[in-house]
Structures are given as structure tokens and as C-alpha cells.
């Protein structure tokens, strides 16, 4: 399934909400969302990359259980 960039961003927000994170991706700065999208990353890979590279692993407990 091919998503538009806006759909990709909404899917990232939805995934975060499903994991129990109270904020959307816009509240977590510095991630390269457009690059992740252009590189064809799936939503969970994009979130993991943002977490690892930009968010100081704040989401580890949610992403990796």
C-alpha cells in the first residue's frame, strides 16, 4: 500500500497513540520524516529510527517492550 506523505505522518501518529505515547510525532523534534518517507520506510521503522537517532531512546519501553 502506497501512502502519501500526509497519510504516512498520520499513520506514525496513530502507531504512537496505539503504543500509549500521549503526543504525536510533531511533539518529538528533529526526526527526518520526509527522508524516512522518501526512503520507503514503514511506519514502525521510521519510529524506531527517530527514537534511536533523535529522541534519546525515550520510546524504547514502548517500541521494544
Protein backbone atom coordinates (compact mmCIF):
# COMPACT_ATOMS: atom_id res chain seq x y z
CA UNK A 1 0.00 0.00 0.00
CA UNK A 2 1.42 3.37 -1.00
CA UNK A 3 0.75 6.24 1.35
CA UNK A 4 1.02 9.93 0.66
CA UNK A 5 3.37 11.80 2.98
CA UNK A 6 0.41 13.16 4.96
CA UNK A 7 -1.02 9.65 5.33
CA UNK A 8 2.40 8.40 6.44
CA UNK A 9 2.57 11.08 9.14
CA UNK A 10 -0.95 10.27 10.32
CA UNK A 11 -0.02 6.57 10.43
CA UNK A 12 3.04 7.40 12.55
CA UNK A 13 0.84 9.38 14.94
CA UNK A 14 -1.68 6.54 15.07
CA UNK A 15 1.04 3.99 15.81
CA UNK A 16 2.42 6.14 18.63
CA UNK A 17 -1.06 6.54 20.10
CA UNK A 18 -1.57 2.78 19.89
CA UNK A 19 1.66 2.29 21.81
CA UNK A 20 0.36 4.58 24.54
CA UNK A 21 2.52 7.63 23.80
CA UNK A 22 0.49 10.75 24.68
CA UNK A 23 1.94 13.02 21.97
CA UNK A 24 2.15 12.95 18.20
CA UNK A 25 5.31 12.86 16.15
CA UNK A 26 5.35 16.65 15.75
CA UNK A 27 5.92 16.96 19.50
CA UNK A 28 9.14 14.95 19.19
CA UNK A 29 11.59 17.17 17.30
CA UNK A 30 14.36 16.63 14.83
CA UNK A 31 13.35 13.39 13.12
CA UNK A 32 13.74 13.41 9.36
CA UNK A 33 10.20 12.34 8.48
CA UNK A 34 10.37 13.32 4.83
CA UNK A 35 13.61 11.41 4.40
CA UNK A 36 12.12 8.34 6.09
CA UNK A 37 9.11 8.55 3.79
CA UNK A 38 11.22 9.10 0.66
CA UNK A 39 13.41 6.14 1.65
CA UNK A 40 10.32 3.93 1.72
CA UNK A 41 10.47 3.15 5.43
CA UNK A 42 7.45 1.56 7.00
CA UNK A 43 5.90 3.40 9.95
CA UNK A 44 7.46 1.27 12.68
CA UNK A 45 10.93 1.51 11.09
CA UNK A 46 10.56 5.29 10.88
CA UNK A 47 9.56 5.48 14.55
CA UNK A 48 12.43 3.23 15.60
CA UNK A 49 14.92 5.29 13.59
CA UNK A 50 13.60 8.55 15.04
CA UNK A 51 13.78 7.07 18.52
CA UNK A 52 17.32 5.79 18.07
CA UNK A 53 18.75 8.81 16.25
CA UNK A 54 16.89 11.80 17.66
CA UNK A 55 14.84 11.11 20.77
CA UNK A 56 17.42 9.63 23.12
CA UNK A 57 15.62 6.28 23.11
CA UNK A 58 12.65 7.71 25.02
CA UNK A 59 10.33 5.25 23.30
CA UNK A 60 12.34 2.07 23.96
CA UNK A 61 9.89 0.73 26.53
CA UNK A 62 7.01 1.15 24.05
CA UNK A 63 8.73 0.04 20.86
CA UNK A 64 10.75 -2.84 22.23
CA UNK A 65 8.60 -3.93 25.17
